[in-house]
């Protein structure tokens, strides 16, 4: 049997670049071709990936992958809208059902591999809400399977293989623009440095073992990782605070350390030397004068500490 075009259909057509048929017909998947056909047919409607995914009954991640495929081949031009740049990612409470999870696992080998590996990471069978979350991250939020596996490995190392930690960390990564394993590893390394900084401050100040507040984590990271404040200087600031306030006050310590940092002090000896080089001027103590607080008292304390060691 031979075939010819029904010329009557040309009364309603839409343009399609010839390079698609000439160059990419052999290498494009059926999903990529379907997405492009829908895009070209509805180009005047201001469509977005979610609308295409809904119209073609495709996962959002596959739709976005198809659009990237055509963008990389200069068929489409990708543009970020202001809303997409500022809108925070929220992982919705509405998750895929058990039937959806099974169906998607059978349709997508990478997703099935992810679910199997997740069971190994958790050391048990996945609960329904756990498998639903993983499918949602993969399908609805476009997280690569390798990134999700890295997240699960991170949770296992931290001893937090639970849905709350995975969901919280995934939300953070999505809002930080994590797309690759390298992106995720950078955030994990940053978090490790911040936790180590807090541990140093916690031990130096004698703070009970607990999770830090966001402000405490921020200050610890600033002092230890950015300003390179030594443990001796942290202890000096703590002593100065307790001598004045009779108790630890993180805001007060922060002002002391900031004033010393601006003055260029890097060791307790720098504080004492600077105090000796200044002429003695009697004046009323200024409120929040942290540069030396009471340097004579501090020098005496330091000498007493050295003598006790001897």
C-alpha atoms as a PDB file:
ATOM      1  CA  UNK A   1       0.000   0.000   0.000  1.00  0.00           C
ATOM      2  CA  UNK A   2       1.202   3.506  -0.790  1.00  0.00           C
ATOM      3  CA  UNK A   3       0.289   6.698   1.009  1.00  0.00           C
ATOM      4  CA  UNK A   4      -0.283  10.325   0.002  1.00  0.00           C
ATOM      5  CA  UNK A   5      -0.985  13.493   1.947  1.00  0.00           C
ATOM      6  CA  UNK A   6      -4.596  14.539   2.361  1.00  0.00           C
ATOM      7  CA  UNK A   7      -4.242  18.111   1.077  1.00  0.00           C
ATOM      8  CA  UNK A   8      -7.428  19.177   2.839  1.00  0.00           C
ATOM      9  CA  UNK A   9      -5.639  19.217   6.185  1.00  0.00           C
ATOM     10  CA  UNK A  10      -3.325  22.039   5.075  1.00  0.00           C
ATOM     11  CA  UNK A  11      -6.103  24.504   5.731  1.00  0.00           C
ATOM     12  CA  UNK A  12      -5.061  24.365   9.394  1.00  0.00           C
ATOM     13  CA  UNK A  13      -1.319  24.017  10.029  1.00  0.00           C
ATOM     14  CA  UNK A  14       1.396  25.365  12.301  1.00  0.00           C
ATOM     15  CA  UNK A  15       5.133  25.887  11.605  1.00  0.00           C
ATOM     16  CA  UNK A  16       7.776  23.339  12.569  1.00  0.00           C
ATOM     17  CA  UNK A  17      11.524  23.874  11.950  1.00  0.00           C
ATOM     18  CA  UNK A  18      12.758  21.520   9.223  1.00  0.00           C
ATOM     19  CA  UNK A  19      15.942  20.836  11.227  1.00  0.00           C
ATOM     20  CA  UNK A  20      13.834  18.838  13.676  1.00  0.00           C
ATOM     21  CA  UNK A  21      13.037  16.265  10.984  1.00  0.00           C
ATOM     22  CA  UNK A  22      16.366  16.554   9.176  1.00  0.00           C
ATOM     23  CA  UNK A  23      18.693  16.293  12.168  1.00  0.00           C
ATOM     24  CA  UNK A  24      16.925  15.253  15.354  1.00  0.00           C
ATOM     25  CA  UNK A  25      14.182  12.848  14.336  1.00  0.00           C
ATOM     26  CA  UNK A  26      16.490   9.868  14.849  1.00  0.00           C
ATOM     27  CA  UNK A  27      17.864  10.880  18.238  1.00  0.00           C
ATOM     28  CA  UNK A  28      14.849  12.527  19.899  1.00  0.00           C
ATOM     29  CA  UNK A  29      12.694  10.340  22.134  1.00  0.00           C
ATOM     30  CA  UNK A  30       8.948  10.096  21.651  1.00  0.00           C
ATOM     31  CA  UNK A  31       8.479  12.228  24.781  1.00  0.00           C
ATOM     32  CA  UNK A  32      10.764  14.952  23.449  1.00  0.00           C
ATOM     33  CA  UNK A  33       8.924  14.963  20.124  1.00  0.00           C
ATOM     34  CA  UNK A  34       5.510  15.062  21.817  1.00  0.00           C
ATOM     35  CA  UNK A  35       6.558  17.984  24.009  1.00  0.00           C
ATOM     36  CA  UNK A  36       7.928  19.935  21.041  1.00  0.00           C
ATOM     37  CA  UNK A  37       4.830  19.281  18.933  1.00  0.00           C
ATOM     38  CA  UNK A  38       2.573  20.491  21.721  1.00  0.00           C
ATOM     39  CA  UNK A  39       4.772  23.522  22.325  1.00  0.00           C
ATOM     40  CA  UNK A  40       4.814  24.559  18.655  1.00  0.00           C
ATOM     41  CA  UNK A  41       1.077  24.035  18.277  1.00  0.00           C
ATOM     42  CA  UNK A  42       0.220  26.114  21.349  1.00  0.00           C
ATOM     43  CA  UNK A  43       3.064  28.617  21.240  1.00  0.00           C
ATOM     44  CA  UNK A  44       0.707  31.606  21.347  1.00  0.00           C
ATOM     45  CA  UNK A  45      -0.926  30.509  24.617  1.00  0.00           C
ATOM     46  CA  UNK A  46       1.958  31.457  26.894  1.00  0.00           C
ATOM     47  CA  UNK A  47       2.343  27.851  28.029  1.00  0.00           C
ATOM     48  CA  UNK A  48       4.690  26.615  30.732  1.00  0.00           C
ATOM     49  CA  UNK A  49       6.178  23.173  31.576  1.00  0.00           C
ATOM     50  CA  UNK A  50       3.431  22.327  34.051  1.00  0.00           C
ATOM     51  CA  UNK A  51       0.721  23.021  31.467  1.00  0.00           C
ATOM     52  CA  UNK A  52       2.470  20.794  28.919  1.00  0.00           C
ATOM     53  CA  UNK A  53       2.906  18.028  31.505  1.00  0.00           C
ATOM     54  CA  UNK A  54      -0.792  18.157  32.400  1.00  0.00           C
ATOM     55  CA  UNK A  55      -1.911  18.182  28.764  1.00  0.00           C
ATOM     56  CA  UNK A  56       0.275  15.211  27.800  1.00  0.00           C
ATOM     57  CA  UNK A  57      -0.116  13.289  31.089  1.00  0.00           C
ATOM     58  CA  UNK A  58       3.639  13.384  31.631  1.00  0.00           C
ATOM     59  CA  UNK A  59       5.680  13.860  34.819  1.00  0.00           C
ATOM     60  CA  UNK A  60       6.869  17.450  35.173  1.00  0.00           C
ATOM     61  CA  UNK A  61      10.490  16.296  35.371  1.00  0.00           C
ATOM     62  CA  UNK A  62      10.274  14.517  31.975  1.00  0.00           C
ATOM     63  CA  UNK A  63       8.581  17.546  30.414  1.00  0.00           C
ATOM     64  CA  UNK A  64      11.293  19.885  31.686  1.00  0.00           C
ATOM     65  CA  UNK A  65      14.019  17.480  30.508  1.00  0.00           C
ATOM     66  CA  UNK A  66      12.449  17.478  27.034  1.00  0.00           C
ATOM     67  CA  UNK A  67      12.330  21.275  26.933  1.00  0.00           C
ATOM     68  CA  UNK A  68      15.983  21.445  27.984  1.00  0.00           C
ATOM     69  CA  UNK A  69      16.830  18.991  25.192  1.00  0.00           C
ATOM     70  CA  UNK A  70      15.348  21.356  22.579  1.00  0.00           C
ATOM     71  CA  UNK A  71      16.842  24.405  24.278  1.00  0.00           C
ATOM     72  CA  UNK A  72      20.321  22.868  24.082  1.00  0.00           C
ATOM     73  CA  UNK A  73      19.785  22.392  20.346  1.00  0.00           C
ATOM     74  CA  UNK A  74      18.730  26.024  19.821  1.00  0.00           C
ATOM     75  CA  UNK A  75      15.159  25.117  18.920  1.00  0.00           C
ATOM     76  CA  UNK A  76      13.777  26.779  22.058  1.00  0.00           C
ATOM     77  CA  UNK A  77      14.997  29.691  24.158  1.00  0.00           C
ATOM     78  CA  UNK A  78      14.660  29.330  27.919  1.00  0.00           C
ATOM     79  CA  UNK A  79      13.767  32.370  29.983  1.00  0.00           C
ATOM     80  CA  UNK A  80      13.318  32.630  33.741  1.00  0.00           C
ATOM     81  CA  UNK A  81      10.380  34.703  34.866  1.00  0.00           C
ATOM     82  CA  UNK A  82      10.737  37.023  37.884  1.00  0.00           C
ATOM     83  CA  UNK A  83       8.264  34.853  39.791  1.00  0.00           C
ATOM     84  CA  UNK A  84      10.298  31.690  39.238  1.00  0.00           C
ATOM     85  CA  UNK A  85      13.417  33.449  40.520  1.00  0.00           C
ATOM     86  CA  UNK A  86      11.887  34.573  43.823  1.00  0.00           C
ATOM     87  CA  UNK A  87       9.132  32.114  44.660  1.00  0.00           C
ATOM     88  CA  UNK A  88      10.107  29.790  47.489  1.00  0.00           C
ATOM     89  CA  UNK A  89       9.752  26.074  46.863  1.00  0.00           C
ATOM     90  CA  UNK A  90       7.206  24.378  49.123  1.00  0.00           C
ATOM     91  CA  UNK A  91       6.832  20.614  49.189  1.00  0.00           C
ATOM     92  CA  UNK A  92       3.079  20.114  49.309  1.00  0.00           C
ATOM     93  CA  UNK A  93       1.397  17.788  51.740  1.00  0.00           C
ATOM     94  CA  UNK A  94      -0.532  16.182  48.836  1.00  0.00           C
ATOM     95  CA  UNK A  95       1.670  13.274  47.827  1.00  0.00           C
ATOM     96  CA  UNK A  96       1.380  10.494  45.247  1.00  0.00           C
ATOM     97  CA  UNK A  97      -0.777   7.586  46.336  1.00  0.00           C
ATOM     98  CA  UNK A  98       0.502   4.031  46.763  1.00  0.00           C
ATOM     99  CA  UNK A  99      -0.915   3.182  43.331  1.00  0.00           C
ATOM    100  CA  UNK A 100       0.861   6.195  41.814  1.00  0.00           C
ATOM    101  CA  UNK A 101       4.176   5.115  43.362  1.00  0.00           C
ATOM    102  CA  UNK A 102       3.864   1.587  41.972  1.00  0.00           C
ATOM    103  CA  UNK A 103       2.819   2.874  38.546  1.00  0.00           C
ATOM    104  CA  UNK A 104       5.698   5.358  38.327  1.00  0.00           C
ATOM    105  CA  UNK A 105       8.192   2.749  39.517  1.00  0.00           C
ATOM    106  CA  UNK A 106       7.140   0.435  36.705  1.00  0.00           C
ATOM    107  CA  UNK A 107       7.312   3.268  34.144  1.00  0.00           C
ATOM    108  CA  UNK A 108      10.705   4.715  35.094  1.00  0.00           C
ATOM    109  CA  UNK A 109      13.744   2.514  35.735  1.00  0.00           C
ATOM    110  CA  UNK A 110      15.680   5.328  37.406  1.00  0.00           C
ATOM    111  CA  UNK A 111      12.844   5.905  39.843  1.00  0.00           C
ATOM    112  CA  UNK A 112      12.570   2.208  40.596  1.00  0.00           C
ATOM    113  CA  UNK A 113      16.325   2.094  41.270  1.00  0.00           C
ATOM    114  CA  UNK A 114      15.965   5.132  43.549  1.00  0.00           C
ATOM    115  CA  UNK A 115      13.220   3.465  45.601  1.00  0.00           C
ATOM    116  CA  UNK A 116      15.237   0.254  45.948  1.00  0.00           C
ATOM    117  CA  UNK A 117      18.384   2.115  47.009  1.00  0.00           C
ATOM    118  CA  UNK A 118      16.343   4.182  49.465  1.00  0.00           C
ATOM    119  CA  UNK A 119      15.316   0.977  51.242  1.00  0.00           C
ATOM    120  CA  UNK A 120      18.980   0.065  51.613  1.00  0.00           C
ATOM    121  CA  UNK A 121      19.793   3.524  52.984  1.00  0.00           C
ATOM    122  CA  UNK A 122      16.936   3.316  55.496  1.00  0.00           C
ATOM    123  CA  UNK A 123      17.754  -0.316  56.306  1.00  0.00           C
ATOM    124  CA  UNK A 124      14.099  -1.320  56.004  1.00  0.00           C
ATOM    125  CA  UNK A 125      11.067  -1.211  53.741  1.00  0.00           C
ATOM    126  CA  UNK A 126       9.897   2.299  52.978  1.00  0.00           C
ATOM    127  CA  UNK A 127       6.745   3.599  54.576  1.00  0.00           C
ATOM    128  CA  UNK A 128       4.038   4.922  52.282  1.00  0.00           C
ATOM    129  CA  UNK A 129       4.721   8.587  53.111  1.00  0.00           C
ATOM    130  CA  UNK A 130       8.452   8.070  52.535  1.00  0.00           C
ATOM    131  CA  UNK A 131       8.097   6.495  49.085  1.00  0.00           C
ATOM    132  CA  UNK A 132       5.495   9.124  48.161  1.00  0.00           C
ATOM    133  CA  UNK A 133       7.884  11.918  49.159  1.00  0.00           C
ATOM    134  CA  UNK A 134      10.679  10.470  47.035  1.00  0.00           C
ATOM    135  CA  UNK A 135       8.408  10.178  43.999  1.00  0.00           C
ATOM    136  CA  UNK A 136       7.188  13.735  44.554  1.00  0.00           C
ATOM    137  CA  UNK A 137      10.766  15.064  44.743  1.00  0.00           C
ATOM    138  CA  UNK A 138      11.611  13.210  41.535  1.00  0.00           C
ATOM    139  CA  UNK A 139       8.445  13.923  39.527  1.00  0.00           C
ATOM    140  CA  UNK A 140       7.010  17.162  40.870  1.00  0.00           C
ATOM    141  CA  UNK A 141      10.169  19.019  41.858  1.00  0.00           C
ATOM    142  CA  UNK A 142      12.556  17.670  39.248  1.00  0.00           C
ATOM    143  CA  UNK A 143      15.278  16.489  41.648  1.00  0.00           C
ATOM    144  CA  UNK A 144      17.695  14.148  39.941  1.00  0.00           C
ATOM    145  CA  UNK A 145      17.755  10.596  41.308  1.00  0.00           C
ATOM    146  CA  UNK A 146      21.474  10.887  42.100  1.00  0.00           C
ATOM    147  CA  UNK A 147      20.858  14.056  44.140  1.00  0.00           C
ATOM    148  CA  UNK A 148      18.056  12.362  46.103  1.00  0.00           C
ATOM    149  CA  UNK A 149      20.314   9.364  46.797  1.00  0.00           C
ATOM    150  CA  UNK A 150      23.019  11.725  48.046  1.00  0.00           C
ATOM    151  CA  UNK A 151      20.445  13.344  50.335  1.00  0.00           C
ATOM    152  CA  UNK A 152      19.453   9.942  51.732  1.00  0.00           C
ATOM    153  CA  UNK A 153      23.098   9.022  52.287  1.00  0.00           C
ATOM    154  CA  UNK A 154      23.607  12.313  54.093  1.00  0.00           C
ATOM    155  CA  UNK A 155      20.574  11.614  56.299  1.00  0.00           C
ATOM    156  CA  UNK A 156      21.920   8.142  57.113  1.00  0.00           C
ATOM    157  CA  UNK A 157      25.351   9.514  58.100  1.00  0.00           C
ATOM    158  CA  UNK A 158      23.692  12.083  60.341  1.00  0.00           C
ATOM    159  CA  UNK A 159      21.567   9.376  61.959  1.00  0.00           C
ATOM    160  CA  UNK A 160      18.416  11.136  60.748  1.00  0.00           C
ATOM    161  CA  UNK A 161      16.823   8.705  58.313  1.00  0.00           C
ATOM    162  CA  UNK A 162      13.345  10.081  58.821  1.00  0.00           C
ATOM    163  CA  UNK A 163      10.870  11.845  56.576  1.00  0.00           C
ATOM    164  CA  UNK A 164      11.029  15.126  58.510  1.00  0.00           C
ATOM    165  CA  UNK A 165      14.788  15.539  57.975  1.00  0.00           C
ATOM    166  CA  UNK A 166      14.645  14.442  54.332  1.00  0.00           C
ATOM    167  CA  UNK A 167      11.777  16.822  53.575  1.00  0.00           C
ATOM    168  CA  UNK A 168      13.420  19.750  55.402  1.00  0.00           C
ATOM    169  CA  UNK A 169      16.769  19.209  53.671  1.00  0.00           C
ATOM    170  CA  UNK A 170      15.161  18.715  50.258  1.00  0.00           C
ATOM    171  CA  UNK A 171      13.240  21.979  50.679  1.00  0.00           C
ATOM    172  CA  UNK A 172      16.463  23.780  51.604  1.00  0.00           C
ATOM    173  CA  UNK A 173      18.314  22.354  48.606  1.00  0.00           C
ATOM    174  CA  UNK A 174      15.519  23.200  46.183  1.00  0.00           C
ATOM    175  CA  UNK A 175      15.390  26.787  47.432  1.00  0.00           C
ATOM    176  CA  UNK A 176      19.183  26.999  47.179  1.00  0.00           C
ATOM    177  CA  UNK A 177      18.975  26.002  43.511  1.00  0.00           C
ATOM    178  CA  UNK A 178      20.595  22.579  43.878  1.00  0.00           C
ATOM    179  CA  UNK A 179      20.493  20.749  40.554  1.00  0.00           C
ATOM    180  CA  UNK A 180      23.565  18.498  40.573  1.00  0.00           C
ATOM    181  CA  UNK A 181      25.453  16.269  42.979  1.00  0.00           C
ATOM    182  CA  UNK A 182      28.237  18.882  43.059  1.00  0.00           C
ATOM    183  CA  UNK A 183      25.739  21.538  44.187  1.00  0.00           C
ATOM    184  CA  UNK A 184      24.472  19.285  46.966  1.00  0.00           C
ATOM    185  CA  UNK A 185      27.970  18.307  48.102  1.00  0.00           C
ATOM    186  CA  UNK A 186      28.864  21.994  48.402  1.00  0.00           C
ATOM    187  CA  UNK A 187      25.916  22.607  50.729  1.00  0.00           C
ATOM    188  CA  UNK A 188      26.747  19.514  52.781  1.00  0.00           C
ATOM    189  CA  UNK A 189      30.339  20.745  53.164  1.00  0.00           C
ATOM    190  CA  UNK A 190      29.130  24.205  54.188  1.00  0.00           C
ATOM    191  CA  UNK A 191      26.784  22.685  56.767  1.00  0.00           C
ATOM    192  CA  UNK A 192      29.634  20.565  58.161  1.00  0.00           C
ATOM    193  CA  UNK A 193      31.845  23.650  58.543  1.00  0.00           C
ATOM    194  CA  UNK A 194      29.060  25.540  60.305  1.00  0.00           C
ATOM    195  CA  UNK A 195      28.396  22.639  62.671  1.00  0.00           C
ATOM    196  CA  UNK A 196      32.097  22.357  63.480  1.00  0.00           C
ATOM    197  CA  UNK A 197      32.254  26.101  64.199  1.00  0.00           C
ATOM    198  CA  UNK A 198      29.294  25.791  66.569  1.00  0.00           C
ATOM    199  CA  UNK A 199      30.961  22.826  68.285  1.00  0.00           C
ATOM    200  CA  UNK A 200      34.080  24.934  68.934  1.00  0.00           C
ATOM    201  CA  UNK A 201      32.040  27.826  70.327  1.00  0.00           C
ATOM    202  CA  UNK A 202      29.851  25.468  72.343  1.00  0.00           C
ATOM    203  CA  UNK A 203      32.834  23.769  73.990  1.00  0.00           C
ATOM    204  CA  UNK A 204      34.697  27.035  74.609  1.00  0.00           C
ATOM    205  CA  UNK A 205      31.685  28.718  76.207  1.00  0.00           C
ATOM    206  CA  UNK A 206      30.672  25.598  78.138  1.00  0.00           C
ATOM    207  CA  UNK A 207      27.214  25.540  76.556  1.00  0.00           C
ATOM    208  CA  UNK A 208      25.154  22.406  77.146  1.00  0.00           C
ATOM    209  CA  UNK A 209      24.873  19.974  74.259  1.00  0.00           C
ATOM    210  CA  UNK A 210      21.943  21.128  72.146  1.00  0.00           C
ATOM    211  CA  UNK A 211      21.072  22.263  68.633  1.00  0.00           C
ATOM    212  CA  UNK A 212      22.038  25.889  68.017  1.00  0.00           C
ATOM    213  CA  UNK A 213      19.600  28.589  67.011  1.00  0.00           C
ATOM    214  CA  UNK A 214      19.931  30.047  63.523  1.00  0.00           C
ATOM    215  CA  UNK A 215      21.599  33.154  64.996  1.00  0.00           C
ATOM    216  CA  UNK A 216      24.051  31.110  67.064  1.00  0.00           C
ATOM    217  CA  UNK A 217      24.998  29.082  63.988  1.00  0.00           C
ATOM    218  CA  UNK A 218      25.439  32.286  61.990  1.00  0.00           C
ATOM    219  CA  UNK A 219      27.666  33.909  64.639  1.00  0.00           C
ATOM    220  CA  UNK A 220      29.755  30.768  65.133  1.00  0.00           C
ATOM    221  CA  UNK A 221      30.350  30.491  61.397  1.00  0.00           C
ATOM    222  CA  UNK A 222      31.306  34.172  61.218  1.00  0.00           C
ATOM    223  CA  UNK A 223      33.778  33.974  64.082  1.00  0.00           C
ATOM    224  CA  UNK A 224      35.449  30.642  63.359  1.00  0.00           C
ATOM    225  CA  UNK A 225      35.256  30.222  59.583  1.00  0.00           C
ATOM    226  CA  UNK A 226      35.271  33.802  58.296  1.00  0.00           C
ATOM    227  CA  UNK A 227      37.151  35.833  60.884  1.00  0.00           C
ATOM    228  CA  UNK A 228      39.367  32.902  62.028  1.00  0.00           C
ATOM    229  CA  UNK A 229      38.943  33.794  65.694  1.00  0.00           C
ATOM    230  CA  UNK A 230      41.011  31.417  67.846  1.00  0.00           C
ATOM    231  CA  UNK A 231      39.669  29.465  70.813  1.00  0.00           C
ATOM    232  CA  UNK A 232      41.821  31.628  73.107  1.00  0.00           C
ATOM    233  CA  UNK A 233      40.161  34.794  71.794  1.00  0.00           C
ATOM    234  CA  UNK A 234      36.731  33.205  72.092  1.00  0.00           C
ATOM    235  CA  UNK A 235      37.516  32.336  75.715  1.00  0.00           C
ATOM    236  CA  UNK A 236      38.757  35.898  76.341  1.00  0.00           C
ATOM    237  CA  UNK A 237      35.510  37.319  74.964  1.00  0.00           C
ATOM    238  CA  UNK A 238      33.504  34.883  77.079  1.00  0.00           C
ATOM    239  CA  UNK A 239      35.433  35.897  80.218  1.00  0.00           C
ATOM    240  CA  UNK A 240      34.913  39.581  79.424  1.00  0.00           C
ATOM    241  CA  UNK A 241      31.201  39.006  79.054  1.00  0.00           C
ATOM    242  CA  UNK A 242      30.818  37.013  82.273  1.00  0.00           C
ATOM    243  CA  UNK A 243      32.920  39.534  84.247  1.00  0.00           C
ATOM    244  CA  UNK A 244      30.549  42.295  83.165  1.00  0.00           C
ATOM    245  CA  UNK A 245      27.192  40.549  82.824  1.00  0.00           C
ATOM    246  CA  UNK A 246      27.796  37.679  85.299  1.00  0.00           C
ATOM    247  CA  UNK A 247      26.384  35.309  82.664  1.00  0.00           C
ATOM    248  CA  UNK A 248      26.793  34.439  79.011  1.00  0.00           C
ATOM    249  CA  UNK A 249      25.139  36.847  76.574  1.00  0.00           C
ATOM    250  CA  UNK A 250      25.718  35.983  72.923  1.00  0.00           C
ATOM    251  CA  UNK A 251      24.858  39.516  71.692  1.00  0.00           C
ATOM    252  CA  UNK A 252      27.347  40.991  74.183  1.00  0.00           C
ATOM    253  CA  UNK A 253      30.056  38.496  73.186  1.00  0.00           C
ATOM    254  CA  UNK A 254      29.341  39.282  69.524  1.00  0.00           C
ATOM    255  CA  UNK A 255      30.009  42.982  70.098  1.00  0.00           C
ATOM    256  CA  UNK A 256      33.245  42.254  71.970  1.00  0.00           C
ATOM    257  CA  UNK A 257      34.560  39.957  69.239  1.00  0.00           C
ATOM    258  CA  UNK A 258      33.523  42.411  66.529  1.00  0.00           C
ATOM    259  CA  UNK A 259      35.389  45.271  68.221  1.00  0.00           C
ATOM    260  CA  UNK A 260      38.508  43.143  68.644  1.00  0.00           C
ATOM    261  CA  UNK A 261      38.288  41.963  65.041  1.00  0.00           C
ATOM    262  CA  UNK A 262      38.070  45.552  63.792  1.00  0.00           C
ATOM    263  CA  UNK A 263      41.063  46.477  65.970  1.00  0.00           C
ATOM    264  CA  UNK A 264      43.086  43.636  64.468  1.00  0.00           C
ATOM    265  CA  UNK A 265      43.550  41.688  67.697  1.00  0.00           C
ATOM    266  CA  UNK A 266      44.276  38.007  67.033  1.00  0.00           C
ATOM    267  CA  UNK A 267      45.615  36.846  70.417  1.00  0.00           C
ATOM    268  CA  UNK A 268      44.966  37.811  74.061  1.00  0.00           C
ATOM    269  CA  UNK A 269      48.506  39.250  74.146  1.00  0.00           C
ATOM    270  CA  UNK A 270      47.510  41.743  71.436  1.00  0.00           C
ATOM    271  CA  UNK A 271      44.865  43.146  73.755  1.00  0.00           C
ATOM    272  CA  UNK A 272      47.320  43.558  76.619  1.00  0.00           C
ATOM    273  CA  UNK A 273      50.010  45.129  74.407  1.00  0.00           C
ATOM    274  CA  UNK A 274      47.558  47.600  72.939  1.00  0.00           C
ATOM    275  CA  UNK A 275      46.374  48.554  76.406  1.00  0.00           C
ATOM    276  CA  UNK A 276      49.956  49.227  77.584  1.00  0.00           C
ATOM    277  CA  UNK A 277      50.704  51.402  74.542  1.00  0.00           C
ATOM    278  CA  UNK A 278      47.774  53.712  75.250  1.00  0.00           C
ATOM    279  CA  UNK A 279      48.159  56.676  77.640  1.00  0.00           C
ATOM    280  CA  UNK A 280      46.124  56.395  80.807  1.00  0.00           C
ATOM    281  CA  UNK A 281      43.154  58.757  80.571  1.00  0.00           C
ATOM    282  CA  UNK A 282      40.586  58.949  83.312  1.00  0.00           C
ATOM    283  CA  UNK A 283      37.142  58.993  81.827  1.00  0.00           C
ATOM    284  CA  UNK A 284      33.722  57.696  82.565  1.00  0.00           C
ATOM    285  CA  UNK A 285      33.212  54.250  81.126  1.00  0.00           C
ATOM    286  CA  UNK A 286      31.265  54.454  77.872  1.00  0.00           C
ATOM    287  CA  UNK A 287      28.299  52.197  77.414  1.00  0.00           C
ATOM    288  CA  UNK A 288      29.133  49.217  75.179  1.00  0.00           C
ATOM    289  CA  UNK A 289      32.868  50.061  75.120  1.00  0.00           C
ATOM    290  CA  UNK A 290      34.057  46.549  74.236  1.00  0.00           C
ATOM    291  CA  UNK A 291      37.509  47.184  72.714  1.00  0.00           C
ATOM    292  CA  UNK A 292      39.275  46.615  76.021  1.00  0.00           C
ATOM    293  CA  UNK A 293      36.413  46.282  78.562  1.00  0.00           C
ATOM    294  CA  UNK A 294      38.759  46.217  81.634  1.00  0.00           C
ATOM    295  CA  UNK A 295      42.155  45.331  80.230  1.00  0.00           C
ATOM    296  CA  UNK A 296      43.991  45.789  83.533  1.00  0.00           C
ATOM    297  CA  UNK A 297      41.666  43.234  85.077  1.00  0.00           C
ATOM    298  CA  UNK A 298      42.093  40.945  82.086  1.00  0.00           C
ATOM    299  CA  UNK A 299      45.909  41.180  82.280  1.00  0.00           C
ATOM    300  CA  UNK A 300      45.790  40.307  85.968  1.00  0.00           C
ATOM    301  CA  UNK A 301      43.507  37.345  85.235  1.00  0.00           C
ATOM    302  CA  UNK A 302      45.865  36.118  82.504  1.00  0.00           C
ATOM    303  CA  UNK A 303      48.921  36.353  84.770  1.00  0.00           C
ATOM    304  CA  UNK A 304      47.107  34.574  87.607  1.00  0.00           C
ATOM    305  CA  UNK A 305      46.160  31.786  85.213  1.00  0.00           C
ATOM    306  CA  UNK A 306      49.798  31.423  84.072  1.00  0.00           C
ATOM    307  CA  UNK A 307      51.057  31.422  87.675  1.00  0.00           C
ATOM    308  CA  UNK A 308      48.571  28.716  88.633  1.00  0.00           C
ATOM    309  CA  UNK A 309      49.884  26.548  85.803  1.00  0.00           C
ATOM    310  CA  UNK A 310      53.460  27.047  87.053  1.00  0.00           C
END
